Amino acid sequence: MEISPHAKRLAEEIRAICAPEKIFLYHAKFDLHGQMTSFKICVVASAADKAALERKIYLSLDCDLPYDLVLYTPEEWEACMQNPHSFAGTIREKGVLLYDQAQA
């Protein structure tokens, strides 16, 4: 999957907001010319209130392309990694890792 500048920029902006452990690009739609038209991103970040953090990201960050976000706490992510057939397991296996705090 080709990583668009829009997804890269959004990942950088998310890093500034919440210091995530990981960010994945896990789905994208393309037009007939191969240009990305929308994408989905997964963020693994500590949050006392996940809904509040998700709202903050959506309300604070503007992107030229429509995007969807799924947010996991590190504890939820690790629990989901116990089942490789979980949605998170699929994201880890098939998604593109945009950021990993352990590798930064």
PDB file of N, CA and C in Angstrom:
ATOM      1  N   MET A   1       0.846  -1.179   0.000  1.00  0.00           N
ATOM      2  CA  MET A   1       0.000   0.000   0.000  1.00  0.00           C
ATOM      3  C   MET A   1       0.890   1.240   0.000  1.00  0.00           C
ATOM      4  N   GLU A   2       0.638   2.115  -0.938  1.00  0.00           N
ATOM      5  CA  GLU A   2       1.400   3.356  -1.022  1.00  0.00           C
ATOM      6  C   GLU A   2       0.946   4.297   0.093  1.00  0.00           C
ATOM      7  N   ILE A   3       1.890   4.912   0.751  1.00  0.00           N
ATOM      8  CA  ILE A   3       1.566   5.819   1.851  1.00  0.00           C
ATOM      9  C   ILE A   3       1.497   7.240   1.297  1.00  0.00           C
ATOM     10  N   SER A   4       0.328   7.828   1.409  1.00  0.00           N
ATOM     11  CA  SER A   4       0.163   9.190   0.882  1.00  0.00           C
ATOM     12  C   SER A   4       0.763  10.210   1.845  1.00  0.00           C
ATOM     13  N   PRO A   5       1.125  11.366   1.317  1.00  0.00           N
ATOM     14  CA  PRO A   5       1.613  12.443   2.189  1.00  0.00           C
ATOM     15  C   PRO A   5       0.562  12.854   3.224  1.00  0.00           C
ATOM     16  N   HIS A   6      -0.720  12.702   2.875  1.00  0.00           N
ATOM     17  CA  HIS A   6      -1.788  13.055   3.808  1.00  0.00           C
ATOM     18  C   HIS A   6      -1.745  12.162   5.046  1.00  0.00           C
ATOM     19  N   ALA A   7      -1.576  10.871   4.839  1.00  0.00           N
ATOM     20  CA  ALA A   7      -1.515   9.934   5.966  1.00  0.00           C
ATOM     21  C   ALA A   7      -0.257  10.169   6.788  1.00  0.00           C
ATOM     22  N   LYS A   8       0.858  10.429   6.135  1.00  0.00           N
ATOM     23  CA  LYS A   8       2.106  10.705   6.863  1.00  0.00           C
ATOM     24  C   LYS A   8       1.978  11.963   7.718  1.00  0.00           C
ATOM     25  N   ARG A   9       1.402  13.003   7.140  1.00  0.00           N
ATOM     26  CA  ARG A   9       1.250  14.267   7.867  1.00  0.00           C
ATOM     27  C   ARG A   9       0.313  14.087   9.052  1.00  0.00           C
ATOM     28  N   LEU A  10      -0.789  13.368   8.836  1.00  0.00           N
ATOM     29  CA  LEU A  10      -1.722  13.139   9.928  1.00  0.00           C
ATOM     30  C   LEU A  10      -1.048  12.358  11.055  1.00  0.00           C
ATOM     31  N   ALA A  11      -0.257  11.358  10.718  1.00  0.00           N
ATOM     32  CA  ALA A  11       0.464  10.587  11.735  1.00  0.00           C
ATOM     33  C   ALA A  11       1.394  11.492  12.537  1.00  0.00           C
ATOM     34  N   GLU A  12       2.084  12.385  11.874  1.00  0.00           N
ATOM     35  CA  GLU A  12       2.980  13.318  12.576  1.00  0.00           C
ATOM     36  C   GLU A  12       2.198  14.231  13.520  1.00  0.00           C
ATOM     37  N   GLU A  13       1.054  14.688  13.071  1.00  0.00           N
ATOM     38  CA  GLU A  13       0.241  15.569  13.904  1.00  0.00           C
ATOM     39  C   GLU A  13      -0.352  14.813  15.095  1.00  0.00           C
ATOM     40  N   ILE A  14      -0.727  13.563  14.894  1.00  0.00           N
ATOM     41  CA  ILE A  14      -1.224  12.743  16.002  1.00  0.00           C
ATOM     42  C   ILE A  14      -0.118  12.540  17.026  1.00  0.00           C
ATOM     43  N   ARG A  15       1.093  12.313  16.561  1.00  0.00           N
ATOM     44  CA  ARG A  15       2.231  12.171  17.484  1.00  0.00           C
ATOM     45  C   ARG A  15       2.380  13.390  18.376  1.00  0.00           C
ATOM     46  N   ALA A  16       2.160  14.561  17.838  1.00  0.00           N
ATOM     47  CA  ALA A  16       2.289  15.791  18.628  1.00  0.00           C
ATOM     48  C   ALA A  16       1.173  15.929  19.664  1.00  0.00           C
ATOM     49  N   ILE A  17       0.014  15.360  19.385  1.00  0.00           N
ATOM     50  CA  ILE A  17      -1.124  15.491  20.293  1.00  0.00           C
ATOM     51  C   ILE A  17      -1.072  14.496  21.452  1.00  0.00           C
ATOM     52  N   CYS A  18      -0.703  13.238  21.171  1.00  0.00           N
ATOM     53  CA  CYS A  18      -0.899  12.231  22.220  1.00  0.00           C
ATOM     54  C   CYS A  18       0.279  11.296  22.472  1.00  0.00           C
ATOM     55  N   ALA A  19       1.416  11.506  21.870  1.00  0.00           N
ATOM     56  CA  ALA A  19       2.589  10.648  22.080  1.00  0.00           C
ATOM     57  C   ALA A  19       2.218   9.163  22.019  1.00  0.00           C
ATOM     58  N   PRO A  20       1.732   8.692  20.868  1.00  0.00           N
ATOM     59  CA  PRO A  20       1.293   7.303  20.754  1.00  0.00           C
ATOM     60  C   PRO A  20       2.453   6.320  20.765  1.00  0.00           C
ATOM     61  N   GLU A  21       2.137   5.072  21.057  1.00  0.00           N
ATOM     62  CA  GLU A  21       3.131   4.007  20.964  1.00  0.00           C
ATOM     63  C   GLU A  21       3.281   3.540  19.521  1.00  0.00           C
ATOM     64  N   LYS A  22       2.142   3.465  18.806  1.00  0.00           N
ATOM     65  CA  LYS A  22       2.159   2.994  17.418  1.00  0.00           C
ATOM     66  C   LYS A  22       1.074   3.707  16.620  1.00  0.00           C
ATOM     67  N   ILE A  23       1.326   3.843  15.328  1.00  0.00           N
ATOM     68  CA  ILE A  23       0.322   4.328  14.389  1.00  0.00           C
ATOM     69  C   ILE A  23       0.420   3.467  13.137  1.00  0.00           C
ATOM     70  N   PHE A  24      -0.715   2.941  12.705  1.00  0.00           N
ATOM     71  CA  PHE A  24      -0.794   2.111  11.500  1.00  0.00           C
ATOM     72  C   PHE A  24      -1.746   2.737  10.494  1.00  0.00           C
ATOM     73  N   LEU A  25      -1.403   2.628   9.233  1.00  0.00           N
ATOM     74  CA  LEU A  25      -2.331   2.871   8.132  1.00  0.00           C
ATOM     75  C   LEU A  25      -2.834   1.485   7.757  1.00  0.00           C
ATOM     76  N   TYR A  26      -4.146   1.255   7.883  1.00  0.00           N
ATOM     77  CA  TYR A  26      -4.606  -0.112   7.647  1.00  0.00           C
ATOM     78  C   TYR A  26      -5.624  -0.269   6.536  1.00  0.00           C
ATOM     79  N   HIS A  27      -6.068   0.799   5.947  1.00  0.00           N
ATOM     80  CA  HIS A  27      -6.984   0.679   4.811  1.00  0.00           C
ATOM     81  C   HIS A  27      -6.964   1.998   4.053  1.00  0.00           C
ATOM     82  N   ALA A  28      -7.048   1.902   2.754  1.00  0.00           N
ATOM     83  CA  ALA A  28      -7.110   3.118   1.937  1.00  0.00           C
ATOM     84  C   ALA A  28      -7.956   2.834   0.708  1.00  0.00           C
ATOM     85  N   LYS A  29      -8.620   3.874   0.227  1.00  0.00           N
ATOM     86  CA  LYS A  29      -9.374   3.798  -1.021  1.00  0.00           C
ATOM     87  C   LYS A  29      -8.668   4.677  -2.031  1.00  0.00           C
ATOM     88  N   PHE A  30      -8.705   4.230  -3.291  1.00  0.00           N
ATOM     89  CA  PHE A  30      -8.020   4.940  -4.363  1.00  0.00           C
ATOM     90  C   PHE A  30      -8.980   5.184  -5.516  1.00  0.00           C
ATOM     91  N   ASP A  31      -8.735   6.257  -6.261  1.00  0.00           N
ATOM     92  CA  ASP A  31      -9.542   6.526  -7.450  1.00  0.00           C
ATOM     93  C   ASP A  31      -8.951   5.768  -8.645  1.00  0.00           C
ATOM     94  N   LEU A  32      -9.522   5.970  -9.799  1.00  0.00           N
ATOM     95  CA  LEU A  32      -9.077   5.253 -10.997  1.00  0.00           C
ATOM     96  C   LEU A  32      -7.668   5.613 -11.427  1.00  0.00           C
ATOM     97  N   HIS A  33      -7.156   6.737 -10.944  1.00  0.00           N
ATOM     98  CA  HIS A  33      -5.810   7.181 -11.290  1.00  0.00           C
ATOM     99  C   HIS A  33      -4.773   6.782 -10.246  1.00  0.00           C
ATOM    100  N   GLY A  34      -5.217   6.011  -9.246  1.00  0.00           N
ATOM    101  CA  GLY A  34      -4.296   5.551  -8.211  1.00  0.00           C
ATOM    102  C   GLY A  34      -4.051   6.547  -7.099  1.00  0.00           C
ATOM    103  N   GLN A  35      -4.838   7.617  -7.061  1.00  0.00           N
ATOM    104  CA  GLN A  35      -4.699   8.618  -5.998  1.00  0.00           C
ATOM    105  C   GLN A  35      -5.564   8.215  -4.801  1.00  0.00           C
ATOM    106  N   MET A  36      -4.992   8.291  -3.614  1.00  0.00           N
ATOM    107  CA  MET A  36      -5.738   7.953  -2.412  1.00  0.00           C
ATOM    108  C   MET A  36      -6.878   8.948  -2.233  1.00  0.00           C
ATOM    109  N   THR A  37      -8.070   8.428  -1.921  1.00  0.00           N
ATOM    110  CA  THR A  37      -9.234   9.287  -1.723  1.00  0.00           C
ATOM    111  C   THR A  37      -9.716   9.288  -0.272  1.00  0.00           C
ATOM    112  N   SER A  38      -9.363   8.281   0.508  1.00  0.00           N
ATOM    113  CA  SER A  38      -9.679   8.229   1.935  1.00  0.00           C
ATOM    114  C   SER A  38      -8.823   7.136   2.554  1.00  0.00           C
ATOM    115  N   PHE A  39      -8.725   7.162   3.879  1.00  0.00           N
ATOM    116  CA  PHE A  39      -7.912   6.150   4.548  1.00  0.00           C
ATOM    117  C   PHE A  39      -8.366   5.948   5.983  1.00  0.00           C
ATOM    118  N   LYS A  40      -7.883   4.842   6.550  1.00  0.00           N
ATOM    119  CA  LYS A  40      -8.175   4.507   7.936  1.00  0.00           C
ATOM    120  C   LYS A  40      -6.852   4.342   8.670  1.00  0.00           C
ATOM    121  N   ILE A  41      -6.846   4.842   9.887  1.00  0.00           N
ATOM    122  CA  ILE A  41      -5.627   4.846  10.665  1.00  0.00           C
ATOM    123  C   ILE A  41      -5.926   4.271  12.052  1.00  0.00           C
ATOM    124  N   CYS A  42      -4.960   3.558  12.596  1.00  0.00           N
ATOM    125  CA  CYS A  42      -5.074   2.970  13.927  1.00  0.00           C
ATOM    126  C   CYS A  42      -4.007   3.592  14.811  1.00  0.00           C
ATOM    127  N   VAL A  43      -4.418   4.033  15.992  1.00  0.00           N
ATOM    128  CA  VAL A  43      -3.509   4.661  16.945  1.00  0.00           C
ATOM    129  C   VAL A  43      -3.530   3.855  18.241  1.00  0.00           C
ATOM    130  N   VAL A  44      -2.348   3.534  18.742  1.00  0.00           N
ATOM    131  CA  VAL A  44      -2.215   2.889  20.042  1.00  0.00           C
ATOM    132  C   VAL A  44      -1.601   3.928  20.965  1.00  0.00           C
ATOM    133  N   ALA A  45      -2.407   4.394  21.936  1.00  0.00           N
ATOM    134  CA  ALA A  45      -1.948   5.477  22.806  1.00  0.00           C
ATOM    135  C   ALA A  45      -2.611   5.368  24.177  1.00  0.00           C
ATOM    136  N   SER A  46      -1.879   5.767  25.185  1.00  0.00           N
ATOM    137  CA  SER A  46      -2.442   5.829  26.529  1.00  0.00           C
ATOM    138  C   SER A  46      -3.468   6.948  26.576  1.00  0.00           C
ATOM    139  N   ALA A  47      -4.601   6.652  27.222  1.00  0.00           N
ATOM    140  CA  ALA A  47      -5.654   7.662  27.346  1.00  0.00           C
ATOM    141  C   ALA A  47      -6.540   7.303  28.531  1.00  0.00           C
ATOM    142  N   ALA A  48      -6.676   8.240  29.430  1.00  0.00           N
ATOM    143  CA  ALA A  48      -7.585   8.031  30.554  1.00  0.00           C
ATOM    144  C   ALA A  48      -9.026   7.998  30.047  1.00  0.00           C
ATOM    145  N   ASP A  49      -9.299   8.772  28.989  1.00  0.00           N
ATOM    146  CA  ASP A  49     -10.630   8.841  28.390  1.00  0.00           C
ATOM    147  C   ASP A  49     -10.464   8.720  26.871  1.00  0.00           C
ATOM    148  N   LYS A  50     -10.657   7.507  26.363  1.00  0.00           N
ATOM    149  CA  LYS A  50     -10.453   7.265  24.921  1.00  0.00           C
ATOM    150  C   LYS A  50     -11.363   8.125  24.056  1.00  0.00           C
ATOM    151  N   ALA A  51     -12.612   8.254  24.459  1.00  0.00           N
ATOM    152  CA  ALA A  51     -13.552   9.040  23.662  1.00  0.00           C
ATOM    153  C   ALA A  51     -13.099  10.497  23.581  1.00  0.00           C
ATOM    154  N   ALA A  52     -12.596  11.025  24.678  1.00  0.00           N
ATOM    155  CA  ALA A  52     -12.117  12.413  24.680  1.00  0.00           C
ATOM    156  C   ALA A  52     -10.902  12.569  23.774  1.00  0.00           C
ATOM    157  N   LEU A  53      -9.982  11.611  23.805  1.00  0.00           N
ATOM    158  CA  LEU A  53      -8.810  11.686  22.941  1.00  0.00           C
ATOM    159  C   LEU A  53      -9.211  11.571  21.475  1.00  0.00           C
ATOM    160  N   GLU A  54     -10.121  10.675  21.177  1.00  0.00           N
ATOM    161  CA  GLU A  54     -10.578  10.535  19.790  1.00  0.00           C
ATOM    162  C   GLU A  54     -11.217  11.837  19.305  1.00  0.00           C
ATOM    163  N   ARG A  55     -12.067  12.445  20.127  1.00  0.00           N
ATOM    164  CA  ARG A  55     -12.677  13.735  19.762  1.00  0.00           C
ATOM    165  C   ARG A  55     -11.604  14.798  19.543  1.00  0.00           C
ATOM    166  N   LYS A  56     -10.615  14.826  20.426  1.00  0.00           N
ATOM    167  CA  LYS A  56      -9.548  15.820  20.308  1.00  0.00           C
ATOM    168  C   LYS A  56      -8.811  15.673  18.982  1.00  0.00           C
ATOM    169  N   ILE A  57      -8.517  14.443  18.599  1.00  0.00           N
ATOM    170  CA  ILE A  57      -7.819  14.213  17.330  1.00  0.00           C
ATOM    171  C   ILE A  57      -8.684  14.682  16.165  1.00  0.00           C
ATOM    172  N   TYR A  58      -9.947  14.244  16.134  1.00  0.00           N
ATOM    173  CA  TYR A  58     -10.828  14.631  15.031  1.00  0.00           C
ATOM    174  C   TYR A  58     -11.043  16.142  14.972  1.00  0.00           C
ATOM    175  N   LEU A  59     -11.193  16.786  16.125  1.00  0.00           N
ATOM    176  CA  LEU A  59     -11.489  18.217  16.139  1.00  0.00           C
ATOM    177  C   LEU A  59     -10.247  19.090  15.943  1.00  0.00           C
ATOM    178  N   SER A  60      -9.089  18.577  16.312  1.00  0.00           N
ATOM    179  CA  SER A  60      -7.854  19.365  16.228  1.00  0.00           C
ATOM    180  C   SER A  60      -7.143  19.245  14.892  1.00  0.00           C
ATOM    181  N   LEU A  61      -7.314  18.115  14.227  1.00  0.00           N
ATOM    182  CA  LEU A  61      -6.523  17.850  13.026  1.00  0.00           C
ATOM    183  C   LEU A  61      -7.386  17.867  11.782  1.00  0.00           C
ATOM    184  N   ASP A  62      -6.981  18.691  10.855  1.00  0.00           N
ATOM    185  CA  ASP A  62      -7.669  18.780   9.578  1.00  0.00           C
ATOM    186  C   ASP A  62      -6.847  18.012   8.551  1.00  0.00           C
ATOM    187  N   CYS A  63      -7.536  17.327   7.681  1.00  0.00           N
ATOM    188  CA  CYS A  63      -6.862  16.566   6.627  1.00  0.00           C
ATOM    189  C   CYS A  63      -7.621  16.802   5.330  1.00  0.00           C
ATOM    190  N   ASP A  64      -6.886  16.908   4.230  1.00  0.00           N
ATOM    191  CA  ASP A  64      -7.524  17.126   2.934  1.00  0.00           C
ATOM    192  C   ASP A  64      -8.308  15.914   2.463  1.00  0.00           C
ATOM    193  N   LEU A  65      -8.025  14.744   3.029  1.00  0.00           N
ATOM    194  CA  LEU A  65      -8.748  13.524   2.680  1.00  0.00           C
ATOM    195  C   LEU A  65      -9.573  13.054   3.872  1.00  0.00           C
ATOM    196  N   PRO A  66     -10.724  12.462   3.625  1.00  0.00           N
ATOM    197  CA  PRO A  66     -11.489  11.879   4.724  1.00  0.00           C
ATOM    198  C   PRO A  66     -10.700  10.727   5.352  1.00  0.00           C
ATOM    199  N   TYR A  67     -10.792  10.622   6.665  1.00  0.00           N
ATOM    200  CA  TYR A  67     -10.125   9.521   7.347  1.00  0.00           C
ATOM    201  C   TYR A  67     -10.974   9.040   8.512  1.00  0.00           C
ATOM    202  N   ASP A  68     -10.765   7.797   8.865  1.00  0.00           N
ATOM    203  CA  ASP A  68     -11.376   7.196  10.043  1.00  0.00           C
ATOM    204  C   ASP A  68     -10.252   6.804  10.971  1.00  0.00           C
ATOM    205  N   LEU A  69     -10.575   6.745  12.249  1.00  0.00           N
ATOM    206  CA  LEU A  69      -9.582   6.475  13.274  1.00  0.00           C
ATOM    207  C   LEU A  69     -10.114   5.394  14.207  1.00  0.00           C
ATOM    208  N   VAL A  70      -9.264   4.443  14.529  1.00  0.00           N
ATOM    209  CA  VAL A  70      -9.575   3.504  15.599  1.00  0.00           C
ATOM    210  C   VAL A  70      -8.471   3.663  16.637  1.00  0.00           C
ATOM    211  N   LEU A  71      -8.877   3.709  17.896  1.00  0.00           N
ATOM    212  CA  LEU A  71      -7.946   3.991  18.982  1.00  0.00           C
ATOM    213  C   LEU A  71      -7.949   2.825  19.965  1.00  0.00           C
ATOM    214  N   TYR A  72      -6.766   2.330  20.278  1.00  0.00           N
ATOM    215  CA  TYR A  72      -6.575   1.295  21.294  1.00  0.00           C
ATOM    216  C   TYR A  72      -5.659   1.847  22.374  1.00  0.00           C
ATOM    217  N   THR A  73      -5.931   1.495  23.622  1.00  0.00           N
ATOM    218  CA  THR A  73      -4.944   1.757  24.665  1.00  0.00           C
ATOM    219  C   THR A  73      -3.872   0.680  24.527  1.00  0.00           C
ATOM    220  N   PRO A  74      -2.687   0.889  25.067  1.00  0.00           N
ATOM    221  CA  PRO A  74      -1.653  -0.154  24.992  1.00  0.00           C
ATOM    222  C   PRO A  74      -2.119  -1.476  25.613  1.00  0.00           C
ATOM    223  N   GLU A  75      -2.891  -1.397  26.676  1.00  0.00           N
ATOM    224  CA  GLU A  75      -3.394  -2.606  27.324  1.00  0.00           C
ATOM    225  C   GLU A  75      -4.373  -3.353  26.416  1.00  0.00           C
ATOM    226  N   GLU A  76      -5.263  -2.614  25.769  1.00  0.00           N
ATOM    227  CA  GLU A  76      -6.201  -3.237  24.835  1.00  0.00           C
ATOM    228  C   GLU A  76      -5.449  -3.862  23.661  1.00  0.00           C
ATOM    229  N   TRP A  77      -4.457  -3.146  23.159  1.00  0.00           N
ATOM    230  CA  TRP A  77      -3.682  -3.626  22.026  1.00  0.00           C
ATOM    231  C   TRP A  77      -2.995  -4.952  22.379  1.00  0.00           C
ATOM    232  N   GLU A  78      -2.334  -4.986  23.521  1.00  0.00           N
ATOM    233  CA  GLU A  78      -1.637  -6.211  23.947  1.00  0.00           C
ATOM    234  C   GLU A  78      -2.618  -7.356  24.147  1.00  0.00           C
ATOM    235  N   ALA A  79      -3.774  -7.081  24.730  1.00  0.00           N
ATOM    236  CA  ALA A  79      -4.782  -8.126  24.918  1.00  0.00           C
ATOM    237  C   ALA A  79      -5.254  -8.663  23.564  1.00  0.00           C
ATOM    238  N   CYS A  80      -5.447  -7.770  22.613  1.00  0.00           N
ATOM    239  CA  CYS A  80      -5.887  -8.194  21.273  1.00  0.00           C
ATOM    240  C   CYS A  80      -4.800  -8.971  20.540  1.00  0.00           C
ATOM    241  N   MET A  81      -3.546  -8.700  20.830  1.00  0.00           N
ATOM    242  CA  MET A  81      -2.449  -9.400  20.162  1.00  0.00           C
ATOM    243  C   MET A  81      -2.402 -10.873  20.563  1.00  0.00           C
ATOM    244  N   GLN A  82      -3.092 -11.247  21.637  1.00  0.00           N
ATOM    245  CA  GLN A  82      -3.158 -12.652  22.041  1.00  0.00           C
ATOM    246  C   GLN A  82      -3.971 -13.473  21.044  1.00  0.00           C
ATOM    247  N   ASN A  83      -4.812 -12.809  20.277  1.00  0.00           N
ATOM    248  CA  ASN A  83      -5.625 -13.473  19.266  1.00  0.00           C
ATOM    249  C   ASN A  83      -5.257 -12.898  17.899  1.00  0.00           C
ATOM    250  N   PRO A  84      -4.467 -13.643  17.107  1.00  0.00           N
ATOM    251  CA  PRO A  84      -4.033 -13.109  15.813  1.00  0.00           C
ATOM    252  C   PRO A  84      -5.194 -12.863  14.837  1.00  0.00           C
ATOM    253  N   HIS A  85      -6.381 -13.407  15.148  1.00  0.00           N
ATOM    254  CA  HIS A  85      -7.536 -13.212  14.268  1.00  0.00           C
ATOM    255  C   HIS A  85      -8.387 -12.024  14.688  1.00  0.00           C
ATOM    256  N   SER A  86      -7.946 -11.302  15.715  1.00  0.00           N
ATOM    257  CA  SER A  86      -8.674 -10.105  16.144  1.00  0.00           C
ATOM    258  C   SER A  86      -8.492  -9.000  15.100  1.00  0.00           C
ATOM    259  N   PHE A  87      -9.332  -7.993  15.192  1.00  0.00           N
ATOM    260  CA  PHE A  87      -9.209  -6.857  14.273  1.00  0.00           C
ATOM    261  C   PHE A  87      -7.845  -6.208  14.417  1.00  0.00           C
ATOM    262  N   ALA A  88      -7.386  -6.035  15.653  1.00  0.00           N
ATOM    263  CA  ALA A  88      -6.063  -5.451  15.883  1.00  0.00           C
ATOM    264  C   ALA A  88      -4.970  -6.336  15.291  1.00  0.00           C
ATOM    265  N   GLY A  89      -5.119  -7.642  15.401  1.00  0.00           N
ATOM    266  CA  GLY A  89      -4.144  -8.557  14.809  1.00  0.00           C
ATOM    267  C   GLY A  89      -4.081  -8.405  13.302  1.00  0.00           C
ATOM    268  N   THR A  90      -5.231  -8.219  12.682  1.00  0.00           N
ATOM    269  CA  THR A  90      -5.285  -8.007  11.236  1.00  0.00           C
ATOM    270  C   THR A  90      -4.611  -6.686  10.865  1.00  0.00           C
ATOM    271  N   ILE A  91      -4.854  -5.648  11.675  1.00  0.00           N
ATOM    272  CA  ILE A  91      -4.209  -4.355  11.420  1.00  0.00           C
ATOM    273  C   ILE A  91      -2.694  -4.512  11.495  1.00  0.00           C
ATOM    274  N   ARG A  92      -2.217  -5.203  12.530  1.00  0.00           N
ATOM    275  CA  ARG A  92      -0.765  -5.371  12.681  1.00  0.00           C
ATOM    276  C   ARG A  92      -0.177  -6.167  11.519  1.00  0.00           C
ATOM    277  N   GLU A  93      -0.904  -7.194  11.069  1.00  0.00           N
ATOM    278  CA  GLU A  93      -0.386  -8.058  10.002  1.00  0.00           C
ATOM    279  C   GLU A  93      -0.453  -7.408   8.623  1.00  0.00           C
ATOM    280  N   LYS A  94      -1.560  -6.728   8.322  1.00  0.00           N
ATOM    281  CA  LYS A  94      -1.771  -6.228   6.966  1.00  0.00           C
ATOM    282  C   LYS A  94      -1.577  -4.725   6.821  1.00  0.00           C
ATOM    283  N   GLY A  95      -1.540  -4.009   7.939  1.00  0.00           N
ATOM    284  CA  GLY A  95      -1.392  -2.560   7.875  1.00  0.00           C
ATOM    285  C   GLY A  95       0.048  -2.140   7.660  1.00  0.00           C
ATOM    286  N   VAL A  96       0.227  -0.861   7.450  1.00  0.00           N
ATOM    287  CA  VAL A  96       1.550  -0.264   7.274  1.00  0.00           C
ATOM    288  C   VAL A  96       1.875   0.523   8.543  1.00  0.00           C
ATOM    289  N   LEU A  97       2.969   0.164   9.184  1.00  0.00           N
ATOM    290  CA  LEU A  97       3.386   0.849  10.396  1.00  0.00           C
ATOM    291  C   LEU A  97       3.958   2.218  10.030  1.00  0.00           C
ATOM    292  N   LEU A  98       3.273   3.262  10.460  1.00  0.00           N
ATOM    293  CA  LEU A  98       3.726   4.632  10.179  1.00  0.00           C
ATOM    294  C   LEU A  98       4.625   5.163  11.282  1.00  0.00           C
ATOM    295  N   TYR A  99       4.420   4.655  12.502  1.00  0.00           N
ATOM    296  CA  TYR A  99       5.221   5.134  13.630  1.00  0.00           C
ATOM    297  C   TYR A  99       5.248   4.049  14.701  1.00  0.00           C
ATOM    298  N   ASP A 100       6.410   3.851  15.289  1.00  0.00           N
ATOM    299  CA  ASP A 100       6.583   2.946  16.410  1.00  0.00           C
ATOM    300  C   ASP A 100       7.512   3.628  17.405  1.00  0.00           C
ATOM    301  N   GLN A 101       6.983   3.958  18.556  1.00  0.00           N
ATOM    302  CA  GLN A 101       7.757   4.650  19.573  1.00  0.00           C
ATOM    303  C   GLN A 101       9.017   3.876  19.936  1.00  0.00           C
ATOM    304  N   ALA A 102       8.958   2.548  19.928  1.00  0.00           N
ATOM    305  CA  ALA A 102      10.111   1.713  20.271  1.00  0.00           C
ATOM    306  C   ALA A 102      11.236   1.850  19.253  1.00  0.00           C
ATOM    307  N   GLN A 103      10.905   2.263  18.023  1.00  0.00           N
ATOM    308  CA  GLN A 103      11.906   2.392  16.971  1.00  0.00           C
ATOM    309  C   GLN A 103      12.333   3.839  16.753  1.00  0.00           C
ATOM    310  N   ALA A 104      11.677   4.747  17.468  1.00  0.00           N
ATOM    311  CA  ALA A 104      11.970   6.184  17.255  1.00  0.00           C
ATOM    312  C   ALA A 104      13.291   6.585  17.869  1.00  0.00           C
TER     313      ALA A 104
END
